[in-house]
Amino acid sequence: MRIESVDGYRASEDMLSIVKQATSKRLDRLRKLMEDRGLSALILFENDPIAYKISLTRHFNAVVITESHVHVLTDPTLYSEARRESPWGVVLVKDFSLEGLLKALSRISSISKGMKMGIDKAWGRNKLSYLYADLLETLRVRGVEIVDATPILEEVFDKPFDEELRIVEWISEISSQALEAAYEHLRPGIRECELASLVDRVLNENGIIDRWFQTIVASGPRTATPHAKTSTRRIGYGEPVIIDVGPLWMGYDGCVAHTFIAGQSRYWENILEEIIKTMKIGLSHAKPRTPARILDEVPRDKLKKHGFPDYPHLTGHPVGGFYKPVIAEFVDYTLETNMVFAYEPAIYIPNKGGVRIEPHVLITSSSYEILTKFHRELFAGT
């Protein structure tokens, strides 16, 4: 059933209320852990999905959590919208410079020698600007102990609550619709950027305005580069085309990909069949209490036995803006009910092309469920 388009970035009032309820529950837990670890404050910066969830606005530069307050810091260009959206105290930093940020922090939290301030150090998608790096270094020089708060945040934002699954399912559904729209318009001669525009239009029309990465459309030999950027290249007959979608809504992200063939190619059809078979075998282990690394080891071993090169990225990663599960050989935890991840074993053949299929997978109480409708039939019966 098609989800009706909604009003811009606000998405739906129902979903916003879910975010607010989830944030309220998590803040209580977060503050308790901060107290246990001796943290006076926690500072998160823009582009971090956790910061989106806590600030409850898209318009912010940084968020500071103390034992009693949440402070949303904004420059003058964001201030009005932040005040309209966020229920927390919004702090205007008129002079958005190092000194201006230091003054703002001094107003909302007692900056003193020996205090501990936590940061989200492990979120790889968050690119820290020079300004924020200078801020942290200046705080260190002034005697503030900057602490990696990732272990605390991992406990609090490990996986979605039951009610948050509705948001993840919605993002999965709209991403599926975007892939369907691209497939309907795919033909030899169309440019990669034209397909990317179609994908983005579907997301935008359904209220998912933000992206955690730009929509990727790569074709022909460019598909051998796992994260090739979209270009103006025209797609040739019989070529593989990888479309990778990165929706982001209020800190809840997705990552959905599929490989299409523009026309017919027995060679690439066989490669597609091989990766689907491999993914089915891997997903047959997807259930609670299974070590997450198994879902990484199984497809890599199978592809190696069939003579394919190893792929240079994770086999899976969490979606929804949460920390777990990472599907890789170096993790030592097991899968749990409500964990949601993107699963992406792949085949890349240098100078020739590649194939990647990436559904959203939910771990249920006894097995798993494919959340991206576009992929559901591919993995039926696994």
Protein backbone atom coordinates (compact mmCIF):
# COMPACT_ATOMS: atom_id res chain seq x y z
CA MET A 1 0.00 0.00 0.00
CA ARG A 2 1.44 3.35 -1.01
CA ILE A 3 2.17 5.77 1.79
CA GLU A 4 0.71 9.17 1.00
CA SER A 5 3.02 12.13 0.58
CA VAL A 6 3.34 14.25 3.69
CA ASP A 7 4.13 17.84 4.52
CA GLY A 8 7.82 18.43 3.92
CA TYR A 9 10.43 17.87 6.59
CA ARG A 10 7.83 17.56 9.35
CA ALA A 11 6.78 14.19 7.89
CA SER A 12 3.79 13.26 10.08
CA GLU A 13 2.75 14.46 13.50
CA ASP A 14 2.38 10.85 14.60
CA MET A 15 6.00 10.05 13.75
CA LEU A 16 7.28 13.22 15.36
CA SER A 17 5.47 12.24 18.53
CA ILE A 18 7.22 8.85 18.39
CA VAL A 19 10.61 10.58 18.18
CA LYS A 20 9.77 12.82 21.14
CA GLN A 21 8.61 9.89 23.28
CA ALA A 22 11.68 7.81 22.42
CA THR A 23 14.00 10.76 23.13
CA SER A 24 12.41 11.37 26.50
CA LYS A 25 12.92 7.75 27.53
CA ARG A 26 16.49 7.71 26.30
CA LEU A 27 17.45 10.97 28.00
CA ASP A 28 16.62 9.55 31.43
CA ARG A 29 18.83 6.55 30.75
CA LEU A 30 21.57 8.67 29.20
CA ARG A 31 21.77 11.02 32.17
CA LYS A 32 21.96 8.11 34.59
CA LEU A 33 24.93 6.68 32.67
CA MET A 34 26.57 10.12 32.48
CA GLU A 35 26.28 10.40 36.25
CA ASP A 36 27.74 6.91 36.72
CA ARG A 37 30.75 7.82 34.52
CA GLY A 38 31.25 11.24 36.11
CA LEU A 39 30.36 13.27 32.99
CA SER A 40 29.22 16.83 33.65
CA ALA A 41 28.09 17.34 30.04
CA LEU A 42 27.83 15.67 26.67
CA ILE A 43 28.32 17.66 23.45
CA LEU A 44 27.20 16.42 20.02
CA PHE A 45 27.68 18.20 16.72
CA GLU A 46 25.65 18.70 13.54
CA ASN A 47 25.31 15.76 11.12
CA ASP A 48 25.39 13.22 13.95
CA PRO A 49 22.07 11.27 13.82
CA ILE A 50 22.10 10.98 17.62
CA ALA A 51 22.21 14.78 17.84
CA TYR A 52 19.19 15.00 15.53
CA LYS A 53 17.22 12.66 17.76
CA ILE A 54 18.09 14.55 20.95
CA SER A 55 17.74 18.10 19.61
CA LEU A 56 14.38 17.30 17.95
CA THR A 57 15.15 19.77 15.18
CA ARG A 58 16.94 19.77 11.83
CA HIS A 59 18.21 23.28 12.53
CA PHE A 60 21.13 23.13 14.95
CA ASN A 61 24.91 23.31 15.13
CA ALA A 62 25.53 21.51 18.41
CA VAL A 63 23.62 19.96 21.30
CA VAL A 64 24.76 20.00 24.92
CA ILE A 65 23.21 17.61 27.45
CA THR A 66 23.73 18.29 31.16
CA GLU A 67 22.25 16.64 34.24
CA SER A 68 19.12 18.81 34.04
CA HIS A 69 18.89 20.45 30.60
CA VAL A 70 19.24 20.00 26.87
CA HIS A 71 20.69 23.06 25.11
CA VAL A 72 20.47 23.45 21.34
CA LEU A 73 23.17 25.77 19.99
CA THR A 74 22.51 27.59 16.72
CA ASP A 75 23.99 30.34 14.63
CA PRO A 76 21.73 33.27 13.60
CA THR A 77 20.71 31.62 10.32
CA LEU A 78 19.10 28.64 12.12
CA TYR A 79 17.83 30.23 15.32
CA SER A 80 14.20 30.99 14.40
CA GLU A 81 13.50 27.54 12.97
CA ALA A 82 15.24 25.82 15.88
CA ARG A 83 13.06 27.71 18.36
CA ARG A 84 9.95 26.75 16.42
CA GLU A 85 10.83 23.06 16.23
CA SER A 86 12.71 22.12 19.37
CA PRO A 87 11.11 21.84 22.82
CA TRP A 88 14.47 22.49 24.48
CA GLY A 89 16.32 25.66 25.31
CA VAL A 90 17.75 27.14 22.11
CA VAL A 91 20.95 29.13 22.58
CA LEU A 92 21.77 31.77 19.97
CA VAL A 93 25.50 32.03 19.21
CA LYS A 94 25.63 35.41 17.46
CA ASP A 95 29.39 35.25 16.93
CA PHE A 96 29.77 31.75 15.56
CA SER A 97 33.50 31.54 16.11
CA LEU A 98 35.73 29.73 18.57
CA GLU A 99 35.36 32.50 21.14
CA GLY A 100 31.62 32.73 20.55
CA LEU A 101 31.17 29.00 21.12
CA LEU A 102 33.30 29.09 24.27
CA LYS A 103 31.21 31.94 25.67
CA ALA A 104 27.98 30.05 24.88
CA LEU A 105 29.26 26.91 26.60
CA SER A 106 30.28 28.96 29.65
CA ARG A 107 26.74 30.34 29.90
CA ILE A 108 25.07 26.94 29.94
CA SER A 109 27.62 24.76 31.72
CA SER A 110 30.27 25.54 34.27
CA ILE A 111 33.52 25.09 32.35
CA SER A 112 36.13 24.30 34.95
CA LYS A 113 39.43 22.48 35.21
CA GLY A 114 38.92 18.79 35.84
CA MET A 115 35.36 18.55 34.53
CA LYS A 116 34.57 15.72 32.13
CA MET A 117 32.79 16.40 28.85
CA GLY A 118 31.72 13.50 26.64
CA ILE A 119 31.75 13.40 22.83
CA ASP A 120 30.48 10.92 20.24
CA LYS A 121 33.90 9.85 19.02
CA ALA A 122 33.06 6.76 17.00
CA TRP A 123 30.31 7.97 14.67
CA GLY A 124 32.12 7.64 11.36
CA ARG A 125 29.50 9.50 9.36
CA ASN A 126 29.98 12.70 11.33
CA LYS A 127 32.64 14.92 9.76
CA LEU A 128 34.05 17.18 12.46
CA SER A 129 34.79 20.71 11.24
CA TYR A 130 38.02 22.53 12.07
CA LEU A 131 36.01 24.90 14.25
CA TYR A 132 34.66 22.10 16.46
CA ALA A 133 38.06 20.41 16.55
CA ASP A 134 39.59 23.70 17.73
CA LEU A 135 36.83 24.03 20.32
CA LEU A 136 37.60 20.63 21.82
CA GLU A 137 41.34 21.30 21.81
CA THR A 138 40.84 24.66 23.54
CA LEU A 139 38.69 23.01 26.20
CA ARG A 140 41.45 20.44 26.76
CA VAL A 141 44.04 23.21 27.17
CA ARG A 142 41.78 24.82 29.76
CA GLY A 143 41.71 21.64 31.79
CA VAL A 144 38.49 20.02 30.59
CA GLU A 145 38.81 16.26 30.17
CA ILE A 146 37.30 15.27 26.82
CA VAL A 147 35.95 11.72 27.19
CA ASP A 148 34.84 9.28 24.52
CA ALA A 149 31.15 8.81 25.39
CA THR A 150 30.56 6.30 22.58
CA PRO A 151 30.17 3.33 24.99
CA ILE A 152 27.40 5.22 26.83
CA LEU A 153 25.65 6.22 23.61
CA GLU A 154 25.91 2.65 22.32
CA GLU A 155 24.00 1.46 25.37
CA VAL A 156 21.27 4.07 24.97
CA PHE A 157 20.97 4.09 21.17
CA ASP A 158 21.76 0.44 20.45
CA LYS A 159 18.55 -0.42 18.58
CA PRO A 160 15.03 0.97 18.03
CA PHE A 161 12.17 0.74 20.48
CA ASP A 162 9.08 -1.10 19.22
CA GLU A 163 7.35 2.17 18.36
CA GLU A 164 10.38 3.45 16.41
CA LEU A 165 10.16 0.50 14.04
CA ARG A 166 7.26 2.32 12.41
CA ILE A 167 9.69 5.07 11.35
CA VAL A 168 12.25 2.58 10.03
CA GLU A 169 9.51 0.72 8.14
CA TRP A 170 8.29 4.00 6.63
CA ILE A 171 11.80 4.93 5.46
CA SER A 172 12.19 1.42 4.02
CA GLU A 173 8.88 1.68 2.17
CA ILE A 174 9.66 5.05 0.61
CA SER A 175 13.13 3.86 -0.39
CA SER A 176 11.50 0.88 -2.11
CA GLN A 177 9.22 3.22 -4.00
CA ALA A 178 12.24 5.23 -5.10
CA LEU A 179 13.92 2.11 -6.51
CA GLU A 180 10.71 1.18 -8.30
CA ALA A 181 10.54 4.63 -9.92
CA ALA A 182 14.14 4.31 -11.10
CA TYR A 183 13.51 0.83 -12.50
CA GLU A 184 10.47 2.06 -14.44
CA HIS A 185 12.55 4.76 -16.15
CA LEU A 186 15.78 2.80 -16.63
CA ARG A 187 16.74 2.43 -20.27
CA PRO A 188 19.96 2.49 -22.30
CA GLY A 189 20.95 6.08 -23.02
CA ILE A 190 19.55 7.67 -19.87
CA ARG A 191 22.11 9.52 -17.76
CA GLU A 192 23.02 8.40 -14.25
CA CYS A 193 22.12 11.83 -12.87
CA GLU A 194 18.64 11.62 -14.41
CA LEU A 195 17.91 8.42 -12.48
CA ALA A 196 19.32 9.94 -9.29
CA SER A 197 16.96 12.89 -9.74
CA LEU A 198 13.97 10.52 -10.00
CA VAL A 199 15.01 8.73 -6.80
CA ASP A 200 15.38 12.01 -4.92
CA ARG A 201 12.02 13.26 -6.13
CA VAL A 202 10.22 10.24 -4.68
CA LEU A 203 11.97 10.69 -1.33
CA ASN A 204 11.29 14.43 -1.27
CA GLU A 205 7.62 14.07 -2.20
CA ASN A 206 7.17 11.72 0.74
CA GLY A 207 8.74 14.10 3.26
CA ILE A 208 12.26 12.63 3.38
CA ILE A 209 14.28 15.70 2.47
CA ASP A 210 17.67 14.94 3.97
CA ARG A 211 20.30 12.37 2.95
CA TRP A 212 23.20 10.94 4.89
CA PHE A 213 24.91 10.47 1.55
CA GLN A 214 24.04 11.73 -1.91
CA THR A 215 22.04 9.30 -4.02
CA ILE A 216 24.43 7.04 -5.92
CA VAL A 217 23.79 5.88 -9.48
CA ALA A 218 26.79 4.16 -11.05
CA SER A 219 26.78 2.21 -14.30
CA GLY A 220 29.03 -0.01 -16.42
CA PRO A 221 32.66 -0.29 -15.27
CA ARG A 222 31.99 2.39 -12.63
CA THR A 223 29.99 -0.19 -10.64
CA ALA A 224 33.30 -1.88 -9.76
CA THR A 225 33.93 1.10 -7.43
CA PRO A 226 31.65 0.42 -4.43
CA HIS A 227 30.75 4.05 -3.71
CA ALA A 228 31.30 5.76 -7.04
CA LYS A 229 29.63 9.17 -7.19
CA THR A 230 26.76 9.81 -9.59
CA SER A 231 27.95 11.24 -12.91
CA THR A 232 26.50 12.52 -16.18
CA ARG A 233 27.48 9.27 -17.93
CA ARG A 234 24.91 7.72 -20.28
CA ILE A 235 24.06 4.11 -19.43
CA GLY A 236 24.90 1.54 -22.09
CA TYR A 237 22.87 -1.49 -23.18
CA GLY A 238 23.45 -4.60 -21.06
CA GLU A 239 25.35 -2.72 -18.37
CA PRO A 240 24.87 -3.15 -14.62
CA VAL A 241 23.50 -0.11 -12.80
CA ILE A 242 23.85 0.22 -9.03
CA ILE A 243 21.43 2.59 -7.31
CA ASP A 244 22.15 3.31 -3.64
CA VAL A 245 19.75 5.44 -1.59
CA GLY A 246 20.62 7.14 1.71
CA PRO A 247 17.46 8.70 3.20
CA LEU A 248 17.66 10.61 6.48
CA TRP A 249 14.73 11.87 8.56
CA MET A 250 15.19 13.36 12.04
CA GLY A 251 18.30 11.25 12.62
CA TYR A 252 16.70 8.01 11.37
CA ASP A 253 18.65 6.90 8.33
CA GLY A 254 18.39 4.20 5.71
CA CYS A 255 20.68 2.60 3.14
CA VAL A 256 18.96 0.70 0.35
CA ALA A 257 20.59 -0.45 -2.88
CA HIS A 258 19.88 -2.59 -5.91
CA THR A 259 21.64 -3.54 -9.13
CA PHE A 260 19.66 -3.40 -12.35
CA ILE A 261 20.64 -4.37 -15.88
CA ALA A 262 19.91 -1.90 -18.66
CA GLY A 263 18.57 -4.31 -21.25
CA GLN A 264 19.86 -7.89 -21.18
CA SER A 265 23.19 -9.47 -20.28
CA ARG A 266 23.49 -13.14 -19.45
CA TYR A 267 26.84 -12.47 -17.80
CA TRP A 268 25.50 -9.88 -15.34
CA GLU A 269 22.28 -11.82 -14.79
CA ASN A 270 24.40 -14.78 -13.62
CA ILE A 271 26.39 -12.53 -11.28
CA LEU A 272 23.13 -11.17 -9.86
CA GLU A 273 21.83 -14.68 -9.29
CA GLU A 274 25.08 -15.57 -7.53
CA ILE A 275 24.89 -12.66 -5.09
CA ILE A 276 21.21 -13.35 -4.33
CA LYS A 277 22.01 -17.01 -3.55
CA THR A 278 24.90 -15.90 -1.35
CA MET A 279 22.74 -13.40 0.55
CA LYS A 280 20.05 -16.03 1.10
CA ILE A 281 22.58 -18.37 2.69
CA GLY A 282 23.86 -15.57 4.90
CA LEU A 283 20.38 -14.50 5.94
CA SER A 284 19.46 -18.06 6.85
CA HIS A 285 21.52 -17.40 10.02
CA ALA A 286 19.73 -14.12 10.83
CA LYS A 287 17.95 -14.67 14.14
CA PRO A 288 18.35 -13.73 17.80
CA ARG A 289 21.44 -15.03 19.61
CA THR A 290 23.39 -15.62 16.38
CA PRO A 291 26.86 -13.98 16.53
CA ALA A 292 26.72 -11.01 14.15
CA ARG A 293 30.05 -12.00 12.61
CA ILE A 294 28.49 -15.20 11.18
CA LEU A 295 26.50 -13.12 8.69
CA ASP A 296 29.81 -11.68 7.53
CA GLU A 297 31.85 -14.88 7.44
CA VAL A 298 29.32 -17.00 5.53
CA PRO A 299 28.95 -14.85 2.37
CA ARG A 300 32.66 -14.00 2.20
CA ASP A 301 33.60 -17.69 2.39
CA LYS A 302 31.05 -18.67 -0.25
CA LEU A 303 32.15 -15.99 -2.72
CA LYS A 304 35.81 -16.85 -2.17
CA LYS A 305 35.12 -20.54 -2.94
CA HIS A 306 33.50 -19.47 -6.22
CA GLY A 307 36.55 -17.44 -7.19
CA PHE A 308 35.17 -13.92 -6.66
CA PRO A 309 37.25 -11.12 -5.13
CA ASP A 310 36.54 -10.12 -1.54
CA TYR A 311 34.48 -6.93 -1.25
CA PRO A 312 36.17 -3.97 0.51
CA HIS A 313 33.39 -2.91 2.88
CA LEU A 314 31.26 -4.14 5.76
CA THR A 315 28.80 -6.94 5.05
CA GLY A 316 26.16 -4.97 6.93
CA HIS A 317 25.62 -1.97 9.13
CA PRO A 318 22.86 -0.60 11.37
CA VAL A 319 20.14 1.66 10.00
CA GLY A 320 17.80 4.03 11.78
CA GLY A 321 20.70 6.00 13.21
CA PHE A 322 21.57 3.32 15.79
CA TYR A 323 24.88 1.68 16.70
CA LYS A 324 24.07 -2.00 16.28
CA PRO A 325 24.41 -4.38 14.58
CA VAL A 326 27.62 -4.00 12.61
CA ILE A 327 27.97 -7.11 10.45
CA ALA A 328 31.72 -7.73 10.41
CA GLU A 329 34.25 -10.29 11.58
CA PHE A 330 35.60 -7.98 14.31
CA VAL A 331 32.35 -7.67 16.35
CA ASP A 332 31.77 -10.00 19.29
CA TYR A 333 28.09 -9.53 20.12
CA THR A 334 25.00 -11.46 19.04
CA LEU A 335 21.92 -10.38 17.11
CA GLU A 336 18.89 -9.28 19.15
CA THR A 337 15.20 -8.77 18.48
CA ASN A 338 14.48 -5.31 16.96
CA MET A 339 17.97 -4.85 15.55
CA VAL A 340 17.71 -3.41 12.03
CA PHE A 341 20.51 -3.43 9.50
CA ALA A 342 21.37 -3.07 5.83
CA TYR A 343 22.84 -6.28 4.42
CA GLU A 344 25.24 -5.90 1.48
CA PRO A 345 27.52 -8.74 0.42
CA ALA A 346 28.70 -7.78 -3.06
CA ILE A 347 30.75 -8.78 -6.09
CA TYR A 348 33.12 -6.28 -7.72
CA ILE A 349 35.20 -7.22 -10.73
CA PRO A 350 37.97 -4.67 -11.36
CA ASN A 351 37.65 -2.68 -14.60
CA LYS A 352 34.49 -4.55 -15.51
CA GLY A 353 31.71 -3.82 -13.04
CA GLY A 354 29.96 -4.95 -9.92
CA VAL A 355 26.74 -6.04 -8.26
CA ARG A 356 25.36 -4.95 -4.89
CA ILE A 357 21.91 -5.61 -3.42
CA GLU A 358 21.14 -4.02 -0.06
CA PRO A 359 17.84 -4.60 1.75
CA HIS A 360 16.84 -3.48 5.23
CA VAL A 361 16.61 -6.48 7.56
CA LEU A 362 14.77 -6.62 10.90
CA ILE A 363 15.61 -9.28 13.48
CA THR A 364 12.31 -10.62 14.83
CA SER A 365 11.68 -12.74 17.92
CA SER A 366 12.53 -15.94 16.05
CA SER A 367 13.99 -15.05 12.64
CA TYR A 368 14.14 -11.99 10.38
CA GLU A 369 12.00 -9.86 8.08
CA ILE A 370 12.91 -7.93 4.93
CA LEU A 371 11.57 -4.40 5.39
CA THR A 372 12.27 -3.11 1.89
CA LYS A 373 9.31 -4.25 -0.16
CA PHE A 374 11.34 -4.07 -3.38
CA HIS A 375 13.57 -6.89 -2.09
CA ARG A 376 11.02 -9.00 -0.26
CA GLU A 377 10.20 -11.35 -3.13
CA LEU A 378 13.90 -11.90 -3.90
CA PHE A 379 14.45 -13.42 -0.46
CA ALA A 380 11.12 -15.15 0.03
CA GLY A 381 11.46 -18.60 1.54
CA THR A 382 14.86 -18.09 3.15
